[in-house]
Amino acid sequence: MYECRKKEALPDISYDLDGDGYVGGRDYVVARRFDEGYKNYLTTDERHRAVDAVKNGYEEKFVWNIEASGSNRDFRIMQ
């Protein structure tokens, strides 16, 4: 049962938007936004829209690597 749950937690390979064979953090966050119905995989239409959005700078809407700045950062994080 544990192995089955572990496999369910892995994202589907259709979430790999940059084509490197691995679903990284950025791939997951962006692909999840395009996954209509949150079915944990992208259809071909959703995948085409997500890849086009990434090519047009969709990732620039997000702030990445905040955790790398540590707890003694000079700026405040507002959600």
C-alpha atoms as a PDB file:
ATOM      1  CA  MET A   1       0.000   0.000   0.000  1.00  0.00           C
ATOM      2  CA  TYR A   2       2.868   2.359   0.797  1.00  0.00           C
ATOM      3  CA  GLU A   3       4.409   1.829  -2.646  1.00  0.00           C
ATOM      4  CA  CYS A   4       1.064   2.564  -4.311  1.00  0.00           C
ATOM      5  CA  ARG A   5       0.722   5.848  -2.406  1.00  0.00           C
ATOM      6  CA  LYS A   6       4.290   6.766  -3.243  1.00  0.00           C
ATOM      7  CA  LYS A   7       3.639   6.276  -6.978  1.00  0.00           C
ATOM      8  CA  GLU A   8       0.494   8.434  -6.778  1.00  0.00           C
ATOM      9  CA  ALA A   9       2.521  11.296  -5.313  1.00  0.00           C
ATOM     10  CA  LEU A  10       4.850  11.431  -8.334  1.00  0.00           C
ATOM     11  CA  PRO A  11       3.789  13.886 -11.051  1.00  0.00           C
ATOM     12  CA  ASP A  12       2.956  12.548 -14.485  1.00  0.00           C
ATOM     13  CA  ILE A  13       5.624  12.907 -17.179  1.00  0.00           C
ATOM     14  CA  SER A  14       3.229  15.157 -19.119  1.00  0.00           C
ATOM     15  CA  TYR A  15       4.126  17.839 -16.544  1.00  0.00           C
ATOM     16  CA  ASP A  16       7.678  17.935 -17.981  1.00  0.00           C
ATOM     17  CA  LEU A  17       7.467  21.205 -19.900  1.00  0.00           C
ATOM     18  CA  ASP A  18      11.146  21.777 -20.649  1.00  0.00           C
ATOM     19  CA  GLY A  19      11.663  18.301 -22.112  1.00  0.00           C
ATOM     20  CA  ASP A  20      14.582  17.215 -19.943  1.00  0.00           C
ATOM     21  CA  GLY A  21      12.880  13.978 -18.871  1.00  0.00           C
ATOM     22  CA  TYR A  22      12.418  15.134 -15.294  1.00  0.00           C
ATOM     23  CA  VAL A  23       9.515  17.029 -13.715  1.00  0.00           C
ATOM     24  CA  GLY A  24      11.223  19.718 -11.692  1.00  0.00           C
ATOM     25  CA  GLY A  25       9.721  22.231  -9.300  1.00  0.00           C
ATOM     26  CA  ARG A  26       9.137  24.898 -11.917  1.00  0.00           C
ATOM     27  CA  ASP A  27       7.638  22.381 -14.337  1.00  0.00           C
ATOM     28  CA  TYR A  28       5.259  21.176 -11.665  1.00  0.00           C
ATOM     29  CA  VAL A  29       4.099  24.636 -10.574  1.00  0.00           C
ATOM     30  CA  VAL A  30       3.457  25.897 -14.105  1.00  0.00           C
ATOM     31  CA  ALA A  31       1.901  22.660 -15.388  1.00  0.00           C
ATOM     32  CA  ARG A  32      -0.400  22.460 -12.384  1.00  0.00           C
ATOM     33  CA  ARG A  33      -1.808  25.882 -13.358  1.00  0.00           C
ATOM     34  CA  PHE A  34      -2.751  24.522 -16.794  1.00  0.00           C
ATOM     35  CA  ASP A  35      -4.166  21.210 -15.529  1.00  0.00           C
ATOM     36  CA  GLU A  36      -7.895  21.813 -15.846  1.00  0.00           C
ATOM     37  CA  GLY A  37      -9.818  19.665 -13.386  1.00  0.00           C
ATOM     38  CA  TYR A  38      -6.603  18.821 -11.479  1.00  0.00           C
ATOM     39  CA  LYS A  39      -6.481  15.288 -12.860  1.00  0.00           C
ATOM     40  CA  ASN A  40      -2.692  15.060 -12.312  1.00  0.00           C
ATOM     41  CA  TYR A  41      -1.789  14.884 -16.011  1.00  0.00           C
ATOM     42  CA  LEU A  42      -1.929  17.262 -18.963  1.00  0.00           C
ATOM     43  CA  THR A  43      -3.895  16.553 -22.110  1.00  0.00           C
ATOM     44  CA  THR A  44      -2.218  17.395 -25.410  1.00  0.00           C
ATOM     45  CA  ASP A  45      -4.143  20.675 -25.675  1.00  0.00           C
ATOM     46  CA  GLU A  46      -3.263  21.701 -22.110  1.00  0.00           C
ATOM     47  CA  ARG A  47       0.356  20.739 -22.677  1.00  0.00           C
ATOM     48  CA  HIS A  48       0.589  22.800 -25.885  1.00  0.00           C
ATOM     49  CA  ARG A  49      -0.877  25.838 -24.097  1.00  0.00           C
ATOM     50  CA  ALA A  50       1.524  25.392 -21.164  1.00  0.00           C
ATOM     51  CA  VAL A  51       4.607  25.047 -23.386  1.00  0.00           C
ATOM     52  CA  ASP A  52       3.557  28.104 -25.416  1.00  0.00           C
ATOM     53  CA  ALA A  53       3.048  30.084 -22.219  1.00  0.00           C
ATOM     54  CA  VAL A  54       6.522  29.142 -20.960  1.00  0.00           C
ATOM     55  CA  LYS A  55       8.039  30.190 -24.293  1.00  0.00           C
ATOM     56  CA  ASN A  56       6.250  33.552 -23.987  1.00  0.00           C
ATOM     57  CA  GLY A  57       7.592  34.270 -20.482  1.00  0.00           C
ATOM     58  CA  TYR A  58       4.849  32.897 -18.223  1.00  0.00           C
ATOM     59  CA  GLU A  59       7.441  31.902 -15.602  1.00  0.00           C
ATOM     60  CA  GLU A  60       8.343  35.574 -15.134  1.00  0.00           C
ATOM     61  CA  LYS A  61       5.073  36.045 -13.211  1.00  0.00           C
ATOM     62  CA  PHE A  62       6.474  33.992 -10.325  1.00  0.00           C
ATOM     63  CA  VAL A  63       9.192  34.655  -7.778  1.00  0.00           C
ATOM     64  CA  TRP A  64      11.585  31.707  -7.599  1.00  0.00           C
ATOM     65  CA  ASN A  65      14.243  30.604  -5.086  1.00  0.00           C
ATOM     66  CA  ILE A  66      13.012  32.604  -2.132  1.00  0.00           C
ATOM     67  CA  GLU A  67      14.038  29.776   0.199  1.00  0.00           C
ATOM     68  CA  ALA A  68      17.664  30.218  -0.885  1.00  0.00           C
ATOM     69  CA  SER A  69      17.781  33.651   0.760  1.00  0.00           C
ATOM     70  CA  GLY A  70      17.465  32.153   4.256  1.00  0.00           C
ATOM     71  CA  SER A  71      15.773  33.553   7.313  1.00  0.00           C
ATOM     72  CA  ASN A  72      17.989  36.672   7.562  1.00  0.00           C
ATOM     73  CA  ARG A  73      16.834  38.242   4.323  1.00  0.00           C
ATOM     74  CA  ASP A  74      16.628  41.992   3.776  1.00  0.00           C
ATOM     75  CA  PHE A  75      13.127  41.904   2.311  1.00  0.00           C
ATOM     76  CA  ARG A  76       9.705  40.857   3.451  1.00  0.00           C
ATOM     77  CA  ILE A  77       7.685  38.130   1.770  1.00  0.00           C
ATOM     78  CA  MET A  78       4.015  38.933   1.230  1.00  0.00           C
ATOM     79  CA  GLN A  79       1.628  36.282  -0.011  1.00  0.00           C
END
